[in-house]
Amino acid sequence: MDSFLKKVGLIFSVGFALFLIAVPAFPQGNTGRILGNITDATGALIPGASVTITNVERGTSQTLVTNEAGAYNAPSLPPGTYQIRAELSGFKTVERSNVVLEVGKELKIDITLEPGAVNEKVTVTEEVPLIETANAVLGGTLRHRCWRSTPFRNSAPSKIQRRNTVGSRGP
């Protein structure tokens, strides 16, 4: 009986140790974040500006107000294409379109407001840089077209994630 309990204890200990090793390999979430600063033409930070972040594909939006440091932060956004709109009385409205957010990414989108009427609009078409310098987290989104061309296309994504965890033997 004593040896049986020792074996059960050993199996439990080994299983728990393997669990602790594998925990960091699980996905770290399925969202991203958009943040940035709102400044005027001189580079001064603008508190109280309204920033609306719209998910173009879903049609949902979130309106934020910049803090006293002129910063805004939209965490836990689902991956997709976004439009960012910044406005404040006495300044022209600025829109950034086609901002693509991927899983695990953090996009820093700074916007400069120019003096003018609110009904005047400036549309910025500059591309967001492909290299993220804010953190070293790897993440990305597989588009349907890309997913169909993989050898795993008939497998569930959860099975593929398990295949690529620490300590697994692979596919």
N, C-alpha and C. Protein backbone atom coordinates (compact mmCIF):
# COMPACT_ATOMS: atom_id res chain seq x y z
N MET A 1 0.83 -1.19 0.00
CA MET A 1 0.00 0.00 0.00
C MET A 1 0.87 1.25 0.00
N ASP A 2 1.97 1.18 0.76
CA ASP A 2 2.88 2.32 0.84
C ASP A 2 3.51 2.63 -0.52
N SER A 3 3.91 1.61 -1.24
CA SER A 3 4.53 1.83 -2.55
C SER A 3 3.51 2.34 -3.56
N PHE A 4 2.26 1.92 -3.41
CA PHE A 4 1.21 2.42 -4.30
C PHE A 4 1.03 3.93 -4.11
N LEU A 5 1.00 4.39 -2.86
CA LEU A 5 0.85 5.83 -2.59
C LEU A 5 2.05 6.61 -3.10
N LYS A 6 3.25 6.01 -2.99
CA LYS A 6 4.44 6.68 -3.50
C LYS A 6 4.36 6.83 -5.02
N LYS A 7 3.88 5.77 -5.71
CA LYS A 7 3.74 5.84 -7.17
C LYS A 7 2.72 6.89 -7.58
N VAL A 8 1.60 6.92 -6.87
CA VAL A 8 0.56 7.92 -7.18
C VAL A 8 1.11 9.33 -6.93
N GLY A 9 1.83 9.50 -5.85
CA GLY A 9 2.43 10.80 -5.55
C GLY A 9 3.45 11.22 -6.60
N LEU A 10 4.26 10.26 -7.05
CA LEU A 10 5.25 10.54 -8.09
C LEU A 10 4.57 10.91 -9.40
N ILE A 11 3.55 10.16 -9.78
CA ILE A 11 2.82 10.46 -11.03
C ILE A 11 2.17 11.84 -10.95
N PHE A 12 1.56 12.13 -9.81
CA PHE A 12 0.94 13.44 -9.63
C PHE A 12 1.99 14.55 -9.71
N SER A 13 3.12 14.37 -9.07
CA SER A 13 4.18 15.39 -9.09
C SER A 13 4.72 15.63 -10.49
N VAL A 14 4.97 14.55 -11.23
CA VAL A 14 5.47 14.67 -12.60
C VAL A 14 4.42 15.35 -13.48
N GLY A 15 3.17 14.96 -13.33
CA GLY A 15 2.09 15.58 -14.12
C GLY A 15 1.96 17.06 -13.82
N PHE A 16 2.04 17.43 -12.55
CA PHE A 16 1.95 18.84 -12.17
C PHE A 16 3.14 19.63 -12.70
N ALA A 17 4.32 19.05 -12.66
CA ALA A 17 5.52 19.72 -13.19
C ALA A 17 5.38 19.94 -14.70
N LEU A 18 4.89 18.95 -15.43
CA LEU A 18 4.67 19.10 -16.87
C LEU A 18 3.63 20.18 -17.16
N PHE A 19 2.60 20.24 -16.34
CA PHE A 19 1.58 21.28 -16.49
C PHE A 19 2.20 22.67 -16.33
N LEU A 20 3.02 22.83 -15.31
CA LEU A 20 3.66 24.14 -15.07
C LEU A 20 4.60 24.53 -16.21
N ILE A 21 5.25 23.56 -16.81
CA ILE A 21 6.14 23.84 -17.93
C ILE A 21 5.33 24.25 -19.16
N ALA A 22 4.18 23.61 -19.37
CA ALA A 22 3.38 23.85 -20.57
C ALA A 22 2.52 25.11 -20.48
N VAL A 23 2.24 25.63 -19.29
CA VAL A 23 1.35 26.79 -19.15
C VAL A 23 1.82 27.98 -19.98
N PRO A 24 3.09 28.36 -20.00
CA PRO A 24 3.49 29.50 -20.81
C PRO A 24 3.29 29.28 -22.31
N ALA A 25 3.15 28.06 -22.74
CA ALA A 25 3.00 27.78 -24.17
C ALA A 25 1.56 28.00 -24.64
N PHE A 26 0.60 28.07 -23.72
CA PHE A 26 -0.77 28.31 -24.14
C PHE A 26 -0.89 29.71 -24.72
N PRO A 27 -1.82 29.92 -25.63
CA PRO A 27 -1.98 31.24 -26.23
C PRO A 27 -2.21 32.30 -25.16
N GLN A 28 -1.66 33.46 -25.38
CA GLN A 28 -1.75 34.53 -24.41
C GLN A 28 -2.96 35.42 -24.64
N GLY A 29 -3.94 34.97 -25.34
CA GLY A 29 -5.14 35.74 -25.59
C GLY A 29 -5.37 35.88 -27.08
N ASN A 30 -6.52 36.37 -27.42
CA ASN A 30 -6.85 36.52 -28.83
C ASN A 30 -7.24 37.95 -29.15
N THR A 31 -6.60 38.89 -28.48
CA THR A 31 -6.90 40.31 -28.70
C THR A 31 -5.61 41.09 -28.96
N GLY A 32 -5.78 42.34 -29.30
CA GLY A 32 -4.67 43.26 -29.49
C GLY A 32 -5.01 44.58 -28.81
N ARG A 33 -4.16 45.58 -29.02
CA ARG A 33 -4.36 46.87 -28.36
C ARG A 33 -3.95 47.99 -29.29
N ILE A 34 -4.73 49.07 -29.26
CA ILE A 34 -4.38 50.29 -29.99
C ILE A 34 -4.25 51.41 -28.97
N LEU A 35 -3.14 52.12 -29.03
CA LEU A 35 -2.90 53.22 -28.12
C LEU A 35 -2.15 54.31 -28.85
N GLY A 36 -2.05 55.48 -28.23
CA GLY A 36 -1.29 56.55 -28.84
C GLY A 36 -1.48 57.87 -28.11
N ASN A 37 -0.92 58.91 -28.71
CA ASN A 37 -1.02 60.26 -28.16
C ASN A 37 -1.66 61.18 -29.19
N ILE A 38 -2.38 62.16 -28.70
CA ILE A 38 -2.97 63.19 -29.55
C ILE A 38 -2.22 64.48 -29.26
N THR A 39 -1.66 65.08 -30.32
CA THR A 39 -0.90 66.32 -30.17
C THR A 39 -1.43 67.38 -31.13
N ASP A 40 -1.02 68.63 -30.90
CA ASP A 40 -1.34 69.68 -31.86
C ASP A 40 -0.15 69.86 -32.80
N ALA A 41 -0.24 70.84 -33.70
CA ALA A 41 0.80 71.04 -34.72
C ALA A 41 2.16 71.38 -34.10
N THR A 42 2.18 71.93 -32.88
CA THR A 42 3.45 72.27 -32.23
C THR A 42 4.05 71.10 -31.46
N GLY A 43 3.29 70.00 -31.34
CA GLY A 43 3.77 68.84 -30.60
C GLY A 43 3.27 68.78 -29.17
N ALA A 44 2.46 69.78 -28.77
CA ALA A 44 1.91 69.78 -27.41
C ALA A 44 0.82 68.71 -27.29
N LEU A 45 0.82 67.99 -26.19
CA LEU A 45 -0.18 66.95 -25.95
C LEU A 45 -1.54 67.57 -25.68
N ILE A 46 -2.59 66.94 -26.18
CA ILE A 46 -3.94 67.49 -26.07
C ILE A 46 -4.80 66.59 -25.18
N PRO A 47 -5.09 67.02 -23.95
CA PRO A 47 -6.01 66.25 -23.10
C PRO A 47 -7.46 66.54 -23.50
N GLY A 48 -8.35 65.59 -23.24
CA GLY A 48 -9.78 65.81 -23.48
C GLY A 48 -10.23 65.61 -24.91
N ALA A 49 -9.36 65.16 -25.81
CA ALA A 49 -9.77 64.91 -27.19
C ALA A 49 -10.57 63.61 -27.25
N SER A 50 -11.54 63.57 -28.13
CA SER A 50 -12.37 62.38 -28.31
C SER A 50 -11.75 61.49 -29.39
N VAL A 51 -11.53 60.22 -29.06
CA VAL A 51 -10.95 59.26 -30.01
C VAL A 51 -11.95 58.12 -30.17
N THR A 52 -12.42 57.91 -31.40
CA THR A 52 -13.36 56.83 -31.69
C THR A 52 -12.64 55.78 -32.51
N ILE A 53 -12.65 54.55 -32.00
CA ILE A 53 -12.00 53.42 -32.67
C ILE A 53 -13.12 52.50 -33.17
N THR A 54 -13.20 52.34 -34.50
CA THR A 54 -14.27 51.57 -35.10
C THR A 54 -13.72 50.32 -35.78
N ASN A 55 -14.28 49.17 -35.43
CA ASN A 55 -13.95 47.93 -36.11
C ASN A 55 -14.79 47.90 -37.38
N VAL A 56 -14.16 48.09 -38.52
CA VAL A 56 -14.85 48.23 -39.80
C VAL A 56 -15.61 46.96 -40.15
N GLU A 57 -15.02 45.79 -39.89
CA GLU A 57 -15.63 44.52 -40.26
C GLU A 57 -16.86 44.19 -39.41
N ARG A 58 -16.82 44.54 -38.13
CA ARG A 58 -17.93 44.22 -37.23
C ARG A 58 -18.93 45.36 -37.09
N GLY A 59 -18.50 46.58 -37.42
CA GLY A 59 -19.38 47.73 -37.28
C GLY A 59 -19.52 48.23 -35.86
N THR A 60 -18.61 47.82 -34.98
CA THR A 60 -18.67 48.26 -33.59
C THR A 60 -17.66 49.38 -33.36
N SER A 61 -17.95 50.25 -32.41
CA SER A 61 -17.01 51.33 -32.12
C SER A 61 -16.91 51.56 -30.62
N GLN A 62 -15.81 52.19 -30.26
CA GLN A 62 -15.52 52.50 -28.87
C GLN A 62 -14.99 53.92 -28.84
N THR A 63 -15.58 54.78 -28.00
CA THR A 63 -15.13 56.17 -27.92
C THR A 63 -14.39 56.37 -26.61
N LEU A 64 -13.20 56.94 -26.72
CA LEU A 64 -12.34 57.20 -25.56
C LEU A 64 -12.06 58.70 -25.49
N VAL A 65 -11.62 59.16 -24.35
CA VAL A 65 -11.20 60.55 -24.16
C VAL A 65 -9.75 60.52 -23.69
N THR A 66 -8.91 61.34 -24.32
CA THR A 66 -7.50 61.34 -23.92
C THR A 66 -7.34 61.87 -22.49
N ASN A 67 -6.38 61.31 -21.77
CA ASN A 67 -6.14 61.71 -20.39
C ASN A 67 -5.36 63.03 -20.33
N GLU A 68 -4.93 63.41 -19.15
CA GLU A 68 -4.21 64.69 -18.98
C GLU A 68 -2.88 64.72 -19.72
N ALA A 69 -2.37 63.55 -20.08
CA ALA A 69 -1.11 63.47 -20.84
C ALA A 69 -1.37 63.36 -22.34
N GLY A 70 -2.64 63.48 -22.76
CA GLY A 70 -2.96 63.41 -24.18
C GLY A 70 -2.93 62.01 -24.74
N ALA A 71 -2.98 60.99 -23.88
CA ALA A 71 -2.87 59.59 -24.32
C ALA A 71 -4.22 58.91 -24.31
N TYR A 72 -4.38 57.96 -25.22
CA TYR A 72 -5.56 57.10 -25.23
C TYR A 72 -5.08 55.65 -25.29
N ASN A 73 -5.95 54.74 -24.83
CA ASN A 73 -5.57 53.34 -24.76
C ASN A 73 -6.82 52.49 -24.94
N ALA A 74 -6.84 51.64 -25.96
CA ALA A 74 -7.96 50.73 -26.21
C ALA A 74 -7.45 49.31 -26.14
N PRO A 75 -7.49 48.67 -24.95
CA PRO A 75 -7.00 47.29 -24.82
C PRO A 75 -8.08 46.30 -25.21
N SER A 76 -7.68 45.05 -25.34
CA SER A 76 -8.59 43.92 -25.56
C SER A 76 -9.49 44.08 -26.79
N LEU A 77 -8.90 44.53 -27.88
CA LEU A 77 -9.66 44.65 -29.13
C LEU A 77 -9.52 43.37 -29.94
N PRO A 78 -10.60 42.90 -30.55
CA PRO A 78 -10.47 41.71 -31.41
C PRO A 78 -9.70 42.06 -32.67
N PRO A 79 -9.03 41.10 -33.28
CA PRO A 79 -8.28 41.39 -34.50
C PRO A 79 -9.23 41.84 -35.61
N GLY A 80 -8.72 42.72 -36.47
CA GLY A 80 -9.54 43.20 -37.58
C GLY A 80 -8.99 44.50 -38.12
N THR A 81 -9.77 45.10 -39.02
CA THR A 81 -9.40 46.38 -39.62
C THR A 81 -10.15 47.49 -38.89
N TYR A 82 -9.42 48.52 -38.48
CA TYR A 82 -10.00 49.59 -37.68
C TYR A 82 -9.86 50.94 -38.36
N GLN A 83 -10.75 51.84 -37.97
CA GLN A 83 -10.66 53.26 -38.35
C GLN A 83 -10.56 54.03 -37.04
N ILE A 84 -9.61 54.96 -36.97
CA ILE A 84 -9.41 55.76 -35.76
C ILE A 84 -9.73 57.21 -36.11
N ARG A 85 -10.60 57.80 -35.30
CA ARG A 85 -11.05 59.18 -35.54
C ARG A 85 -10.79 59.99 -34.28
N ALA A 86 -10.07 61.12 -34.43
CA ALA A 86 -9.79 62.00 -33.30
C ALA A 86 -10.38 63.37 -33.57
N GLU A 87 -11.03 63.96 -32.56
CA GLU A 87 -11.64 65.27 -32.73
C GLU A 87 -11.68 66.03 -31.41
N LEU A 88 -11.66 67.34 -31.55
CA LEU A 88 -11.77 68.25 -30.41
C LEU A 88 -12.19 69.60 -30.94
N SER A 89 -13.01 70.28 -30.22
CA SER A 89 -13.49 71.61 -30.63
C SER A 89 -12.29 72.54 -30.87
N GLY A 90 -12.31 73.23 -32.00
CA GLY A 90 -11.22 74.13 -32.36
C GLY A 90 -10.17 73.49 -33.25
N PHE A 91 -10.33 72.18 -33.53
CA PHE A 91 -9.38 71.45 -34.36
C PHE A 91 -10.13 70.71 -35.47
N LYS A 92 -9.43 70.44 -36.57
CA LYS A 92 -10.00 69.63 -37.63
C LYS A 92 -10.06 68.18 -37.15
N THR A 93 -11.08 67.46 -37.60
CA THR A 93 -11.21 66.04 -37.30
C THR A 93 -10.21 65.26 -38.16
N VAL A 94 -9.51 64.30 -37.54
CA VAL A 94 -8.53 63.49 -38.26
C VAL A 94 -8.98 62.03 -38.22
N GLU A 95 -8.91 61.37 -39.38
CA GLU A 95 -9.25 59.95 -39.46
C GLU A 95 -8.06 59.16 -40.01
N ARG A 96 -7.79 58.01 -39.38
CA ARG A 96 -6.81 57.05 -39.89
C ARG A 96 -7.59 55.81 -40.28
N SER A 97 -7.51 55.43 -41.54
CA SER A 97 -8.25 54.26 -42.03
C SER A 97 -7.31 53.09 -42.26
N ASN A 98 -7.91 51.93 -42.43
CA ASN A 98 -7.17 50.70 -42.75
C ASN A 98 -6.07 50.36 -41.76
N VAL A 99 -6.36 50.52 -40.49
CA VAL A 99 -5.42 50.13 -39.44
C VAL A 99 -5.71 48.67 -39.11
N VAL A 100 -4.78 47.78 -39.45
CA VAL A 100 -4.99 46.34 -39.27
C VAL A 100 -4.35 45.89 -37.96
N LEU A 101 -5.19 45.39 -37.06
CA LEU A 101 -4.74 44.89 -35.77
C LEU A 101 -4.78 43.37 -35.78
N GLU A 102 -3.67 42.75 -35.37
CA GLU A 102 -3.59 41.30 -35.32
C GLU A 102 -3.50 40.83 -33.88
N VAL A 103 -3.72 39.56 -33.67
CA VAL A 103 -3.69 38.95 -32.34
C VAL A 103 -2.34 39.19 -31.68
N GLY A 104 -2.37 39.64 -30.43
CA GLY A 104 -1.15 39.84 -29.67
C GLY A 104 -0.36 41.07 -30.05
N LYS A 105 -0.87 41.90 -30.93
CA LYS A 105 -0.13 43.08 -31.37
C LYS A 105 -0.57 44.32 -30.60
N GLU A 106 0.34 45.25 -30.52
CA GLU A 106 0.09 46.55 -29.88
C GLU A 106 0.47 47.62 -30.90
N LEU A 107 -0.52 48.36 -31.38
CA LEU A 107 -0.25 49.41 -32.37
C LEU A 107 -0.26 50.77 -31.70
N LYS A 108 0.81 51.52 -31.90
CA LYS A 108 0.87 52.88 -31.36
C LYS A 108 0.58 53.83 -32.51
N ILE A 109 -0.58 54.46 -32.45
CA ILE A 109 -1.03 55.37 -33.49
C ILE A 109 -1.13 56.76 -32.89
N ASP A 110 -0.13 57.60 -33.17
CA ASP A 110 -0.16 58.99 -32.72
C ASP A 110 -0.83 59.83 -33.79
N ILE A 111 -1.63 60.80 -33.34
CA ILE A 111 -2.39 61.64 -34.26
C ILE A 111 -2.12 63.10 -33.93
N THR A 112 -1.90 63.90 -34.97
CA THR A 112 -1.69 65.33 -34.81
C THR A 112 -2.93 66.06 -35.31
N LEU A 113 -3.53 66.87 -34.44
CA LEU A 113 -4.70 67.67 -34.81
C LEU A 113 -4.24 69.05 -35.26
N GLU A 114 -4.83 69.53 -36.35
CA GLU A 114 -4.52 70.86 -36.88
C GLU A 114 -5.64 71.81 -36.50
N PRO A 115 -5.30 73.08 -36.23
CA PRO A 115 -6.34 74.06 -35.92
C PRO A 115 -7.33 74.18 -37.08
N GLY A 116 -8.58 74.36 -36.75
CA GLY A 116 -9.61 74.51 -37.77
C GLY A 116 -10.97 74.17 -37.19
N ALA A 117 -11.98 74.19 -38.03
CA ALA A 117 -13.34 73.88 -37.60
C ALA A 117 -13.50 72.37 -37.47
N VAL A 118 -14.40 71.96 -36.57
CA VAL A 118 -14.62 70.54 -36.34
C VAL A 118 -15.17 69.86 -37.59
N ASN A 119 -15.93 70.61 -38.41
CA ASN A 119 -16.51 69.99 -39.60
C ASN A 119 -15.50 69.80 -40.72
N GLU A 120 -14.28 70.33 -40.56
CA GLU A 120 -13.21 70.06 -41.52
C GLU A 120 -12.58 68.72 -41.14
N LYS A 121 -12.28 67.91 -42.14
CA LYS A 121 -11.77 66.57 -41.87
C LYS A 121 -10.47 66.34 -42.62
N VAL A 122 -9.50 65.74 -41.94
CA VAL A 122 -8.23 65.35 -42.54
C VAL A 122 -8.18 63.82 -42.50
N THR A 123 -8.00 63.19 -43.66
CA THR A 123 -7.90 61.74 -43.72
C THR A 123 -6.45 61.36 -43.96
N VAL A 124 -5.91 60.57 -43.06
CA VAL A 124 -4.52 60.13 -43.15
C VAL A 124 -4.51 58.73 -43.76
N THR A 125 -3.73 58.56 -44.82
CA THR A 125 -3.68 57.25 -45.49
C THR A 125 -2.33 56.56 -45.30
N GLU A 126 -1.50 57.07 -44.43
CA GLU A 126 -0.20 56.47 -44.16
C GLU A 126 -0.39 55.06 -43.60
N GLU A 127 0.46 54.14 -44.02
CA GLU A 127 0.40 52.76 -43.55
C GLU A 127 1.01 52.64 -42.16
N VAL A 128 0.46 51.74 -41.37
CA VAL A 128 1.02 51.44 -40.06
C VAL A 128 2.25 50.57 -40.29
N PRO A 129 3.38 50.85 -39.59
CA PRO A 129 4.59 50.06 -39.82
C PRO A 129 4.37 48.58 -39.50
N LEU A 130 5.02 47.71 -40.27
CA LEU A 130 4.88 46.28 -40.07
C LEU A 130 5.71 45.77 -38.90
N ILE A 131 6.72 46.50 -38.50
CA ILE A 131 7.57 46.08 -37.39
C ILE A 131 7.08 46.74 -36.12
N GLU A 132 6.81 45.92 -35.13
CA GLU A 132 6.35 46.43 -33.85
C GLU A 132 7.54 46.60 -32.93
N THR A 133 7.73 47.81 -32.43
CA THR A 133 8.88 48.07 -31.57
C THR A 133 8.48 48.16 -30.10
N ALA A 134 7.19 48.09 -29.78
CA ALA A 134 6.74 48.26 -28.40
C ALA A 134 6.99 47.03 -27.54
N ASN A 135 6.89 45.82 -28.13
CA ASN A 135 7.15 44.63 -27.34
C ASN A 135 7.62 43.50 -28.25
N ALA A 136 8.05 42.41 -27.63
CA ALA A 136 8.62 41.30 -28.39
C ALA A 136 7.67 40.11 -28.47
N VAL A 137 6.37 40.35 -28.24
CA VAL A 137 5.39 39.26 -28.27
C VAL A 137 5.11 38.88 -29.71
N LEU A 138 5.14 37.57 -29.98
CA LEU A 138 4.80 37.08 -31.31
C LEU A 138 3.31 36.83 -31.38
N GLY A 139 2.70 37.23 -32.46
CA GLY A 139 1.28 37.00 -32.65
C GLY A 139 0.93 37.30 -34.08
N GLY A 140 -0.23 36.92 -34.47
CA GLY A 140 -0.65 37.19 -35.83
C GLY A 140 -2.00 36.55 -36.09
N THR A 141 -2.55 36.87 -37.23
CA THR A 141 -3.85 36.36 -37.59
C THR A 141 -3.76 35.65 -38.92
N LEU A 142 -4.26 34.44 -38.98
CA LEU A 142 -4.32 33.71 -40.24
C LEU A 142 -5.61 34.07 -40.95
N ARG A 143 -5.52 34.58 -42.13
CA ARG A 143 -6.70 34.86 -42.94
C ARG A 143 -7.21 33.54 -43.51
N HIS A 144 -8.48 33.50 -43.89
CA HIS A 144 -9.10 32.28 -44.39
C HIS A 144 -8.33 31.71 -45.58
N ARG A 145 -7.91 32.57 -46.50
CA ARG A 145 -7.18 32.13 -47.69
C ARG A 145 -5.87 31.44 -47.29
N CYS A 146 -5.18 31.99 -46.32
CA CYS A 146 -3.91 31.41 -45.85
C CYS A 146 -4.17 30.09 -45.13
N TRP A 147 -5.22 30.02 -44.33
CA TRP A 147 -5.54 28.82 -43.57
C TRP A 147 -5.84 27.65 -44.50
N ARG A 148 -6.56 27.91 -45.60
CA ARG A 148 -6.91 26.85 -46.53
C ARG A 148 -5.69 26.25 -47.21
N SER A 149 -4.60 27.02 -47.32
CA SER A 149 -3.42 26.52 -48.02
C SER A 149 -2.45 25.78 -47.11
N THR A 150 -2.76 25.66 -45.82
CA THR A 150 -1.87 24.94 -44.91
C THR A 150 -2.16 23.45 -44.94
N PRO A 151 -1.18 22.62 -44.59
CA PRO A 151 -1.42 21.17 -44.55
C PRO A 151 -2.36 20.77 -43.42
N PHE A 152 -2.65 21.68 -42.49
CA PHE A 152 -3.50 21.38 -41.34
C PHE A 152 -4.94 21.85 -41.57
N ARG A 153 -5.33 22.19 -42.76
CA ARG A 153 -6.62 22.81 -43.02
C ARG A 153 -7.81 21.97 -42.55
N ASN A 154 -7.64 20.67 -42.44
CA ASN A 154 -8.74 19.82 -41.98
C ASN A 154 -8.71 19.59 -40.47
N SER A 155 -7.74 20.20 -39.79
CA SER A 155 -7.63 20.05 -38.34
C SER A 155 -8.24 21.26 -37.65
N ALA A 156 -8.70 21.03 -36.45
CA ALA A 156 -9.20 22.14 -35.64
C ALA A 156 -8.02 22.97 -35.16
N PRO A 157 -8.15 24.31 -35.10
CA PRO A 157 -7.03 25.14 -34.63
C PRO A 157 -6.54 24.75 -33.24
N SER A 158 -7.45 24.28 -32.37
CA SER A 158 -7.02 23.90 -31.02
C SER A 158 -6.06 22.71 -31.06
N LYS A 159 -6.23 21.80 -32.03
CA LYS A 159 -5.33 20.66 -32.14
C LYS A 159 -3.94 21.12 -32.59
N ILE A 160 -3.90 22.10 -33.47
CA ILE A 160 -2.62 22.62 -33.94
C ILE A 160 -1.89 23.33 -32.81
N GLN A 161 -2.62 24.09 -31.99
CA GLN A 161 -1.98 24.76 -30.86
C GLN A 161 -1.36 23.74 -29.92
N ARG A 162 -2.06 22.64 -29.67
CA ARG A 162 -1.52 21.61 -28.79
C ARG A 162 -0.30 20.95 -29.40
N ARG A 163 -0.26 20.82 -30.71
CA ARG A 163 0.89 20.19 -31.36
C ARG A 163 2.15 21.03 -31.22
N ASN A 164 2.00 22.32 -31.08
CA ASN A 164 3.15 23.21 -31.04
C ASN A 164 3.50 23.64 -29.63
N THR A 165 3.07 22.93 -28.61
CA THR A 165 3.39 23.30 -27.25
C THR A 165 4.70 22.67 -26.82
N VAL A 166 5.25 23.21 -25.75
CA VAL A 166 6.53 22.71 -25.25
C VAL A 166 6.36 21.27 -24.80
N GLY A 167 7.30 20.44 -25.15
CA GLY A 167 7.28 19.05 -24.72
C GLY A 167 6.51 18.13 -25.63
N SER A 168 5.87 18.66 -26.68
CA SER A 168 5.13 17.78 -27.58
C SER A 168 6.07 17.27 -28.67
N ARG A 169 5.65 16.22 -29.31
CA ARG A 169 6.47 15.63 -30.34
C ARG A 169 6.16 16.21 -31.71
N GLY A 170 5.15 17.06 -31.81
CA GLY A 170 4.82 17.66 -33.11
C GLY A 170 3.76 16.88 -33.81
N PRO A 171 3.46 17.23 -35.08
CA PRO A 171 2.36 16.59 -35.81
C PRO A 171 2.63 15.14 -36.14
